[in-house]
Amino acid sequence: MLDNHQKNIATFIHLSTFSRFIIPLGNIIAPLVLWIANKEKSEFVDSHGKQAINFQISIFLYALIIGTISIPFFIFKMFHGIDFIDFHGFQDFHINIGKPSPLLYIGGGLGFIAIVGFILELVFIIIASLKAREGNYYKYPLTINFIK
């Protein structure tokens, strides 16, 4: 039987992922500390801790992949039209607004995917927190199980 203390700890593990807005990598460090300190006390807390940490590591990995793919598109677009072999200053530097590049569309699409992913991450964290508060188990979607 679950008591309120176990539900509260599981809820705080999920909510502690919001600490990343204050502490760099707080979304991984804070739930990890709470989970390690309380995983032996309850299977419920252990399960929610593993889910929260696995989800945050997965999100970090996905953001790293999207960032790695999208940054070159913006760099290529920014330096388009500059001749690096015969570069004499910024007199020849120009920005052509009238003709968007396909690279900009690809980079913008990846940026849009990143924004939608961020919003979904916030929604999933809130849902997981509410499920933990109710005493139910929750499995985050698209999560790679690093900690089993």
C-alpha atoms as a PDB file:
ATOM      1  CA  MET A   1       0.000   0.000   0.000  1.00  0.00           C
ATOM      2  CA  LEU A   2       1.348   3.393  -0.994  1.00  0.00           C
ATOM      3  CA  ASP A   3       1.443   6.171   1.538  1.00  0.00           C
ATOM      4  CA  ASN A   4       1.445   9.893   0.829  1.00  0.00           C
ATOM      5  CA  HIS A   5       5.179  10.159   1.489  1.00  0.00           C
ATOM      6  CA  GLN A   6       6.007   7.763  -1.355  1.00  0.00           C
ATOM      7  CA  LYS A   7       3.607   9.554  -3.702  1.00  0.00           C
ATOM      8  CA  ASN A   8       5.120  12.919  -2.782  1.00  0.00           C
ATOM      9  CA  ILE A   9       8.683  11.737  -3.354  1.00  0.00           C
ATOM     10  CA  ALA A  10       7.753  10.282  -6.761  1.00  0.00           C
ATOM     11  CA  THR A  11       5.967  13.531  -7.659  1.00  0.00           C
ATOM     12  CA  PHE A  12       8.952  15.638  -6.586  1.00  0.00           C
ATOM     13  CA  ILE A  13      11.292  13.460  -8.634  1.00  0.00           C
ATOM     14  CA  HIS A  14       9.322  14.365 -11.762  1.00  0.00           C
ATOM     15  CA  LEU A  15       8.927  18.027 -10.798  1.00  0.00           C
ATOM     16  CA  SER A  16      12.631  18.330  -9.952  1.00  0.00           C
ATOM     17  CA  THR A  17      13.363  18.132 -13.676  1.00  0.00           C
ATOM     18  CA  PHE A  18      12.228  21.768 -13.876  1.00  0.00           C
ATOM     19  CA  SER A  19      15.338  22.706 -11.886  1.00  0.00           C
ATOM     20  CA  ARG A  20      17.162  22.940 -15.203  1.00  0.00           C
ATOM     21  CA  PHE A  21      15.777  26.442 -15.527  1.00  0.00           C
ATOM     22  CA  ILE A  22      17.875  27.381 -12.484  1.00  0.00           C
ATOM     23  CA  ILE A  23      20.794  24.906 -12.484  1.00  0.00           C
ATOM     24  CA  PRO A  24      22.598  23.691 -15.626  1.00  0.00           C
ATOM     25  CA  LEU A  25      21.831  19.975 -16.092  1.00  0.00           C
ATOM     26  CA  GLY A  26      19.521  20.197 -13.082  1.00  0.00           C
ATOM     27  CA  ASN A  27      16.959  18.175 -15.011  1.00  0.00           C
ATOM     28  CA  ILE A  28      19.242  15.156 -14.657  1.00  0.00           C
ATOM     29  CA  ILE A  29      21.080  15.921 -11.402  1.00  0.00           C
ATOM     30  CA  ALA A  30      18.076  16.761  -9.179  1.00  0.00           C
ATOM     31  CA  PRO A  31      15.966  13.666  -9.985  1.00  0.00           C
ATOM     32  CA  LEU A  32      19.094  11.506  -9.790  1.00  0.00           C
ATOM     33  CA  VAL A  33      19.858  12.734  -6.260  1.00  0.00           C
ATOM     34  CA  LEU A  34      16.240  12.266  -5.118  1.00  0.00           C
ATOM     35  CA  TRP A  35      16.050   8.822  -6.728  1.00  0.00           C
ATOM     36  CA  ILE A  36      19.340   7.585  -5.237  1.00  0.00           C
ATOM     37  CA  ALA A  37      18.337   8.798  -1.772  1.00  0.00           C
ATOM     38  CA  ASN A  38      14.909   7.115  -1.876  1.00  0.00           C
ATOM     39  CA  LYS A  39      15.046   4.155  -4.298  1.00  0.00           C
ATOM     40  CA  GLU A  40      15.489   1.575  -1.524  1.00  0.00           C
ATOM     41  CA  LYS A  41      12.378   2.741   0.332  1.00  0.00           C
ATOM     42  CA  SER A  42       9.792   1.867  -2.288  1.00  0.00           C
ATOM     43  CA  GLU A  43       9.409   0.117  -5.632  1.00  0.00           C
ATOM     44  CA  PHE A  44       7.009   2.907  -6.638  1.00  0.00           C
ATOM     45  CA  VAL A  45       9.614   5.618  -6.032  1.00  0.00           C
ATOM     46  CA  ASP A  46      12.281   3.489  -7.730  1.00  0.00           C
ATOM     47  CA  SER A  47      10.139   3.055 -10.842  1.00  0.00           C
ATOM     48  CA  HIS A  48       9.250   6.751 -11.111  1.00  0.00           C
ATOM     49  CA  GLY A  49      12.861   7.779 -10.532  1.00  0.00           C
ATOM     50  CA  LYS A  50      14.118   5.515 -13.291  1.00  0.00           C
ATOM     51  CA  GLN A  51      11.435   6.792 -15.664  1.00  0.00           C
ATOM     52  CA  ALA A  52      12.208  10.462 -14.958  1.00  0.00           C
ATOM     53  CA  ILE A  53      15.966  10.031 -15.346  1.00  0.00           C
ATOM     54  CA  ASN A  54      15.687   7.888 -18.486  1.00  0.00           C
ATOM     55  CA  PHE A  55      13.313  10.421 -20.046  1.00  0.00           C
ATOM     56  CA  GLN A  56      15.609  13.364 -19.284  1.00  0.00           C
ATOM     57  CA  ILE A  57      18.676  11.571 -20.666  1.00  0.00           C
ATOM     58  CA  SER A  58      16.668  10.623 -23.774  1.00  0.00           C
ATOM     59  CA  ILE A  59      15.497  14.224 -24.257  1.00  0.00           C
ATOM     60  CA  PHE A  60      19.077  15.456 -23.848  1.00  0.00           C
ATOM     61  CA  LEU A  61      20.230  12.969 -26.472  1.00  0.00           C
ATOM     62  CA  TYR A  62      17.441  13.958 -28.891  1.00  0.00           C
ATOM     63  CA  ALA A  63      18.224  17.677 -28.432  1.00  0.00           C
ATOM     64  CA  LEU A  64      21.899  17.006 -29.039  1.00  0.00           C
ATOM     65  CA  ILE A  65      21.107  15.161 -32.272  1.00  0.00           C
ATOM     66  CA  ILE A  66      18.718  17.855 -33.550  1.00  0.00           C
ATOM     67  CA  GLY A  67      21.212  20.590 -32.637  1.00  0.00           C
ATOM     68  CA  THR A  68      24.068  18.773 -34.330  1.00  0.00           C
ATOM     69  CA  ILE A  69      22.013  18.375 -37.491  1.00  0.00           C
ATOM     70  CA  SER A  70      20.533  21.899 -37.600  1.00  0.00           C
ATOM     71  CA  ILE A  71      23.536  24.087 -36.736  1.00  0.00           C
ATOM     72  CA  PRO A  72      25.398  23.409 -40.005  1.00  0.00           C
ATOM     73  CA  PHE A  73      22.333  24.490 -42.009  1.00  0.00           C
ATOM     74  CA  PHE A  74      22.308  27.896 -40.328  1.00  0.00           C
ATOM     75  CA  ILE A  75      26.083  28.278 -40.694  1.00  0.00           C
ATOM     76  CA  PHE A  76      25.984  27.426 -44.408  1.00  0.00           C
ATOM     77  CA  LYS A  77      23.167  29.912 -44.948  1.00  0.00           C
ATOM     78  CA  MET A  78      24.947  32.651 -43.004  1.00  0.00           C
ATOM     79  CA  PHE A  79      28.203  32.320 -44.964  1.00  0.00           C
ATOM     80  CA  HIS A  80      26.553  31.824 -48.350  1.00  0.00           C
ATOM     81  CA  GLY A  81      27.963  34.347 -50.808  1.00  0.00           C
ATOM     82  CA  ILE A  82      31.260  34.966 -49.018  1.00  0.00           C
ATOM     83  CA  ASP A  83      34.320  33.919 -50.985  1.00  0.00           C
ATOM     84  CA  PHE A  84      36.756  32.535 -48.433  1.00  0.00           C
ATOM     85  CA  ILE A  85      39.660  32.305 -50.901  1.00  0.00           C
ATOM     86  CA  ASP A  86      39.518  35.978 -51.927  1.00  0.00           C
ATOM     87  CA  PHE A  87      38.162  37.567 -48.778  1.00  0.00           C
ATOM     88  CA  HIS A  88      39.056  41.281 -48.477  1.00  0.00           C
ATOM     89  CA  GLY A  89      36.786  42.390 -45.683  1.00  0.00           C
ATOM     90  CA  PHE A  90      33.103  42.922 -45.275  1.00  0.00           C
ATOM     91  CA  GLN A  91      32.573  45.124 -48.360  1.00  0.00           C
ATOM     92  CA  ASP A  92      31.275  42.141 -50.339  1.00  0.00           C
ATOM     93  CA  PHE A  93      29.204  40.737 -47.490  1.00  0.00           C
ATOM     94  CA  HIS A  94      25.502  40.869 -48.252  1.00  0.00           C
ATOM     95  CA  ILE A  95      22.300  39.307 -47.048  1.00  0.00           C
ATOM     96  CA  ASN A  96      19.783  38.284 -49.668  1.00  0.00           C
ATOM     97  CA  ILE A  97      16.341  38.382 -48.071  1.00  0.00           C
ATOM     98  CA  GLY A  98      14.360  37.941 -51.279  1.00  0.00           C
ATOM     99  CA  LYS A  99      15.520  34.390 -52.012  1.00  0.00           C
ATOM    100  CA  PRO A 100      15.328  31.935 -49.091  1.00  0.00           C
ATOM    101  CA  SER A 101      17.547  28.899 -49.280  1.00  0.00           C
ATOM    102  CA  PRO A 102      16.353  25.307 -48.927  1.00  0.00           C
ATOM    103  CA  LEU A 103      18.937  25.015 -46.140  1.00  0.00           C
ATOM    104  CA  LEU A 104      16.982  27.623 -44.191  1.00  0.00           C
ATOM    105  CA  TYR A 105      13.786  25.615 -44.591  1.00  0.00           C
ATOM    106  CA  ILE A 106      15.478  22.446 -43.339  1.00  0.00           C
ATOM    107  CA  GLY A 107      17.086  24.239 -40.387  1.00  0.00           C
ATOM    108  CA  GLY A 108      13.835  26.030 -39.582  1.00  0.00           C
ATOM    109  CA  GLY A 109      11.939  22.740 -39.736  1.00  0.00           C
ATOM    110  CA  LEU A 110      14.381  21.170 -37.300  1.00  0.00           C
ATOM    111  CA  GLY A 111      14.028  24.209 -35.042  1.00  0.00           C
ATOM    112  CA  PHE A 112      10.249  23.825 -35.151  1.00  0.00           C
ATOM    113  CA  ILE A 113      10.588  20.150 -34.217  1.00  0.00           C
ATOM    114  CA  ALA A 114      12.791  21.171 -31.271  1.00  0.00           C
ATOM    115  CA  ILE A 115      10.187  23.683 -30.037  1.00  0.00           C
ATOM    116  CA  VAL A 116       7.361  21.144 -30.327  1.00  0.00           C
ATOM    117  CA  GLY A 117       9.540  18.589 -28.526  1.00  0.00           C
ATOM    118  CA  PHE A 118      10.169  21.046 -25.683  1.00  0.00           C
ATOM    119  CA  ILE A 119       6.441  21.707 -25.264  1.00  0.00           C
ATOM    120  CA  LEU A 120       5.688  17.971 -25.304  1.00  0.00           C
ATOM    121  CA  GLU A 121       8.420  17.375 -22.737  1.00  0.00           C
ATOM    122  CA  LEU A 122       6.782  19.866 -20.364  1.00  0.00           C
ATOM    123  CA  VAL A 123       3.369  18.241 -20.904  1.00  0.00           C
ATOM    124  CA  PHE A 124       4.745  14.735 -20.271  1.00  0.00           C
ATOM    125  CA  ILE A 125       6.488  15.859 -17.069  1.00  0.00           C
ATOM    126  CA  ILE A 126       3.264  17.371 -15.743  1.00  0.00           C
ATOM    127  CA  ILE A 127       1.280  14.247 -16.656  1.00  0.00           C
ATOM    128  CA  ALA A 128       3.879  12.020 -14.947  1.00  0.00           C
ATOM    129  CA  SER A 129       3.765  14.216 -11.836  1.00  0.00           C
ATOM    130  CA  LEU A 130      -0.016  13.983 -11.672  1.00  0.00           C
ATOM    131  CA  LYS A 131       0.058  10.209 -12.162  1.00  0.00           C
ATOM    132  CA  ALA A 132       2.644   9.852  -9.389  1.00  0.00           C
ATOM    133  CA  ARG A 133       0.520  12.022  -7.089  1.00  0.00           C
ATOM    134  CA  GLU A 134      -2.471   9.759  -7.773  1.00  0.00           C
ATOM    135  CA  GLY A 135      -0.380   6.675  -6.986  1.00  0.00           C
ATOM    136  CA  ASN A 136      -0.264   5.365 -10.571  1.00  0.00           C
ATOM    137  CA  TYR A 137       2.742   4.243 -12.559  1.00  0.00           C
ATOM    138  CA  TYR A 138       3.667   6.222 -15.677  1.00  0.00           C
ATOM    139  CA  LYS A 139       5.875   5.399 -18.635  1.00  0.00           C
ATOM    140  CA  TYR A 140       7.161   8.329 -20.673  1.00  0.00           C
ATOM    141  CA  PRO A 141       6.793   7.937 -24.445  1.00  0.00           C
ATOM    142  CA  LEU A 142       9.899   7.768 -26.685  1.00  0.00           C
ATOM    143  CA  THR A 143      12.159   6.960 -23.743  1.00  0.00           C
ATOM    144  CA  ILE A 144      15.371   4.973 -24.068  1.00  0.00           C
ATOM    145  CA  ASN A 145      15.822   2.815 -20.960  1.00  0.00           C
ATOM    146  CA  PHE A 146      19.369   3.594 -19.881  1.00  0.00           C
ATOM    147  CA  ILE A 147      18.626   2.627 -16.260  1.00  0.00           C
ATOM    148  CA  LYS A 148      16.697  -0.625 -15.979  1.00  0.00           C
END
